[in-house]
C-alpha atoms as a PDB file:
ATOM      1  CA  MET A   1      80.038  70.198 161.032  1.00  0.00           C
ATOM      2  CA  VAL A   2      80.111  66.230 161.235  1.00  0.00           C
ATOM      3  CA  THR A   3      78.699  65.793 158.081  1.00  0.00           C
ATOM      4  CA  ASN A   4      80.766  68.304 156.512  1.00  0.00           C
ATOM      5  CA  ALA A   5      83.928  66.936 157.945  1.00  0.00           C
ATOM      6  CA  LEU A   6      82.721  63.288 156.916  1.00  0.00           C
ATOM      7  CA  ILE A   7      82.589  64.386 153.166  1.00  0.00           C
ATOM      8  CA  LEU A   8      85.798  66.436 153.515  1.00  0.00           C
ATOM      9  CA  LEU A   9      86.939  62.787 154.203  1.00  0.00           C
ATOM     10  CA  ASN A  10      85.701  61.069 151.651  1.00  0.00           C
ATOM     11  CA  ASN A  11      87.435  63.276 149.238  1.00  0.00           C
ATOM     12  CA  VAL A  12      91.019  63.196 150.802  1.00  0.00           C
ATOM     13  CA  ILE A  13      90.101  59.337 150.755  1.00  0.00           C
ATOM     14  CA  SER A  14      89.242  59.168 147.344  1.00  0.00           C
ATOM     15  CA  LEU A  15      92.224  61.606 146.412  1.00  0.00           C
ATOM     16  CA  ILE A  16      94.935  59.501 147.864  1.00  0.00           C
ATOM     17  CA  GLY A  17      93.225  56.606 145.890  1.00  0.00           C
ATOM     18  CA  ASN A  18      93.522  58.578 143.158  1.00  0.00           C
ATOM     19  CA  TYR A  19      97.030  59.217 143.527  1.00  0.00           C
ATOM     20  CA  LEU A  20      98.289  55.648 144.853  1.00  0.00           C
ATOM     21  CA  SER A  21      97.120  54.683 141.303  1.00  0.00           C
ATOM     22  CA  ALA A  22      99.299  56.678 139.401  1.00  0.00           C
ATOM     23  CA  VAL A  23     102.192  54.600 141.667  1.00  0.00           C
ATOM     24  CA  VAL A  24     100.430  51.447 140.333  1.00  0.00           C
ATOM     25  CA  ILE A  25      99.080  51.728 136.904  1.00  0.00           C
ATOM     26  CA  ASP A  26     102.648  50.626 135.821  1.00  0.00           C
ATOM     27  CA  LEU A  27     103.553  47.978 137.300  1.00  0.00           C
ATOM     28  CA  LYS A  28     103.961  44.997 134.965  1.00  0.00           C
ATOM     29  CA  SER A  29     103.526  42.756 137.507  1.00  0.00           C
ATOM     30  CA  ILE A  30      99.795  43.746 137.901  1.00  0.00           C
ATOM     31  CA  GLY A  31      98.826  45.336 134.022  1.00  0.00           C
ATOM     32  CA  ARG A  32      96.032  47.773 133.632  1.00  0.00           C
ATOM     33  CA  VAL A  33      93.156  44.765 132.895  1.00  0.00           C
ATOM     34  CA  ARG A  34      93.897  42.820 135.865  1.00  0.00           C
ATOM     35  CA  PHE A  35      93.839  46.067 137.828  1.00  0.00           C
ATOM     36  CA  GLN A  36      90.700  47.230 136.604  1.00  0.00           C
ATOM     37  CA  MET A  37      89.313  43.761 136.873  1.00  0.00           C
ATOM     38  CA  ILE A  38      89.965  43.625 140.234  1.00  0.00           C
ATOM     39  CA  SER A  39      89.686  47.269 141.154  1.00  0.00           C
ATOM     40  CA  PHE A  40      85.754  46.460 139.566  1.00  0.00           C
ATOM     41  CA  PHE A  41      85.211  43.706 141.477  1.00  0.00           C
ATOM     42  CA  LEU A  42      86.160  44.882 144.829  1.00  0.00           C
ATOM     43  CA  CYS A  43      84.056  47.678 144.437  1.00  0.00           C
ATOM     44  CA  ALA A  44      81.006  45.900 143.764  1.00  0.00           C
ATOM     45  CA  VAL A  45      81.656  43.371 146.511  1.00  0.00           C
ATOM     46  CA  LEU A  46      82.145  46.742 148.954  1.00  0.00           C
ATOM     47  CA  PHE A  47      79.098  48.411 147.560  1.00  0.00           C
ATOM     48  CA  LEU A  48      76.990  45.044 148.245  1.00  0.00           C
ATOM     49  CA  VAL A  49      77.970  45.106 151.662  1.00  0.00           C
ATOM     50  CA  THR A  50      77.156  48.635 152.246  1.00  0.00           C
ATOM     51  CA  GLY A  51      73.999  47.761 151.198  1.00  0.00           C
ATOM     52  CA  LEU A  52      73.667  44.881 153.154  1.00  0.00           C
ATOM     53  CA  LEU A  53      74.755  46.369 156.190  1.00  0.00           C
ATOM     54  CA  LEU A  54      72.383  49.638 155.643  1.00  0.00           C
ATOM     55  CA  ASP A  55      69.853  47.339 154.663  1.00  0.00           C
ATOM     56  CA  SER A  56      69.943  45.459 158.212  1.00  0.00           C
ATOM     57  CA  GLY A  57      69.680  47.863 160.098  1.00  0.00           C
ATOM     58  CA  ALA A  58      71.387  46.549 163.333  1.00  0.00           C
ATOM     59  CA  ALA A  59      75.127  47.786 161.889  1.00  0.00           C
ATOM     60  CA  PRO A  60      76.265  50.883 163.611  1.00  0.00           C
ATOM     61  CA  ASN A  61      76.774  53.877 161.515  1.00  0.00           C
ATOM     62  CA  TRP A  62      80.606  54.081 161.762  1.00  0.00           C
ATOM     63  CA  ALA A  63      80.928  51.133 160.106  1.00  0.00           C
ATOM     64  CA  VAL A  64      78.701  52.232 157.235  1.00  0.00           C
ATOM     65  CA  THR A  65      80.480  54.832 156.741  1.00  0.00           C
ATOM     66  CA  LEU A  66      84.192  53.046 156.927  1.00  0.00           C
ATOM     67  CA  VAL A  67      82.722  50.341 154.329  1.00  0.00           C
ATOM     68  CA  PHE A  68      81.653  53.291 151.985  1.00  0.00           C
ATOM     69  CA  PHE A  69      84.891  55.286 152.513  1.00  0.00           C
ATOM     70  CA  LEU A  70      86.712  51.730 151.424  1.00  0.00           C
ATOM     71  CA  ALA A  71      84.475  51.420 148.410  1.00  0.00           C
ATOM     72  CA  ASN A  72      85.165  54.953 147.183  1.00  0.00           C
ATOM     73  CA  PHE A  73      89.099  54.628 147.569  1.00  0.00           C
ATOM     74  CA  VAL A  74      89.123  50.974 145.549  1.00  0.00           C
ATOM     75  CA  GLY A  75      86.810  52.965 142.647  1.00  0.00           C
ATOM     76  CA  GLN A  76      89.249  56.074 143.045  1.00  0.00           C
ATOM     77  CA  PHE A  77      92.553  53.763 143.226  1.00  0.00           C
ATOM     78  CA  GLY A  78      91.510  51.055 140.191  1.00  0.00           C
ATOM     79  CA  ALA A  79      88.414  51.271 138.416  1.00  0.00           C
ATOM     80  CA  ASN A  80      88.269  55.245 137.720  1.00  0.00           C
ATOM     81  CA  SER A  81      91.760  56.128 137.064  1.00  0.00           C
ATOM     82  CA  THR A  82      92.364  53.204 134.495  1.00  0.00           C
ATOM     83  CA  THR A  83      89.127  53.207 132.881  1.00  0.00           C
ATOM     84  CA  TYR A  84      90.355  56.952 131.870  1.00  0.00           C
ATOM     85  CA  VAL A  85      93.655  55.818 131.006  1.00  0.00           C
ATOM     86  CA  MET A  86      93.317  53.169 129.177  1.00  0.00           C
ATOM     87  CA  ALA A  87      90.413  55.119 126.891  1.00  0.00           C
ATOM     88  CA  ALA A  88      92.925  57.626 126.428  1.00  0.00           C
ATOM     89  CA  GLU A  89      95.509  55.008 125.031  1.00  0.00           C
ATOM     90  CA  THR A  90      93.367  53.038 123.298  1.00  0.00           C
ATOM     91  CA  TYR A  91      91.316  55.926 120.576  1.00  0.00           C
ATOM     92  CA  PRO A  92      92.914  58.775 118.377  1.00  0.00           C
ATOM     93  CA  THR A  93      92.355  62.364 119.722  1.00  0.00           C
ATOM     94  CA  GLU A  94      89.861  63.053 116.916  1.00  0.00           C
ATOM     95  CA  LEU A  95      87.511  60.064 117.911  1.00  0.00           C
ATOM     96  CA  ARG A  96      87.712  60.774 121.547  1.00  0.00           C
ATOM     97  CA  SER A  97      87.116  63.875 120.772  1.00  0.00           C
ATOM     98  CA  THR A  98      83.557  62.896 118.629  1.00  0.00           C
ATOM     99  CA  CYS A  99      82.726  60.704 120.999  1.00  0.00           C
ATOM    100  CA  HIS A 100      82.666  63.611 123.813  1.00  0.00           C
ATOM    101  CA  GLY A 101      80.788  65.723 121.818  1.00  0.00           C
ATOM    102  CA  ILE A 102      78.129  63.096 121.090  1.00  0.00           C
ATOM    103  CA  SER A 103      77.882  62.354 124.670  1.00  0.00           C
ATOM    104  CA  ALA A 104      77.896  66.253 125.458  1.00  0.00           C
ATOM    105  CA  PHE A 105      74.686  66.802 123.039  1.00  0.00           C
ATOM    106  CA  SER A 106      72.920  63.032 123.942  1.00  0.00           C
ATOM    107  CA  GLY A 107      73.323  65.294 127.581  1.00  0.00           C
ATOM    108  CA  ARG A 108      71.739  68.016 126.509  1.00  0.00           C
ATOM    109  CA  SER A 109      68.986  67.120 123.963  1.00  0.00           C
ATOM    110  CA  SER A 110      67.551  65.113 126.660  1.00  0.00           C
ATOM    111  CA  ARG A 111      67.443  67.737 129.256  1.00  0.00           C
ATOM    112  CA  ALA A 112      65.667  69.531 126.975  1.00  0.00           C
ATOM    113  CA  PHE A 113      63.342  66.597 126.283  1.00  0.00           C
ATOM    114  CA  ARG A 114      62.982  66.301 130.144  1.00  0.00           C
ATOM    115  CA  GLU A 115      62.155  70.324 130.392  1.00  0.00           C
ATOM    116  CA  ASP A 116      59.171  69.911 127.412  1.00  0.00           C
ATOM    117  CA  GLN A 117      58.105  67.233 129.392  1.00  0.00           C
ATOM    118  CA  LYS A 118      57.737  68.745 132.538  1.00  0.00           C
ATOM    119  CA  HIS A 119      55.904  71.853 130.931  1.00  0.00           C
ATOM    120  CA  CYS A 120      53.555  69.764 129.576  1.00  0.00           C
ATOM    121  CA  ILE A 121      53.029  67.283 132.923  1.00  0.00           C
ATOM    122  CA  ALA A 122      52.548  70.375 134.776  1.00  0.00           C
ATOM    123  CA  ASN A 123      49.705  72.057 132.194  1.00  0.00           C
ATOM    124  CA  GLY A 124      48.020  68.948 131.267  1.00  0.00           C
ATOM    125  CA  VAL A 125      49.073  68.499 127.919  1.00  0.00           C
ATOM    126  CA  ASN A 126      49.063  65.541 125.977  1.00  0.00           C
END
């Protein structure tokens, strides 16, 4: 039950970050590129801190969870939202849809290749 509550809390925190980015993203004093760079840097630092806390083993669980929640908030607040907005403003719809199609094809074809390799490994085929 506690795990489900923490997952729900993480989703709510991420959603709040996403909604707050809609308010902040158009501020001329910050700028979208600077906003994105700062948020990527903060995400990297927070994930590094999370990893160090987990690696040390001495940190309490609530501290690791708190830093992880903060990292997800920052990720949704800046990096995630600006990535989609800047791509939508930079590239025309035709190019974006073509690239989405290529991406979907790549994912599906690599999955088919992986399944074929799993079958060959399971049956001892070289």
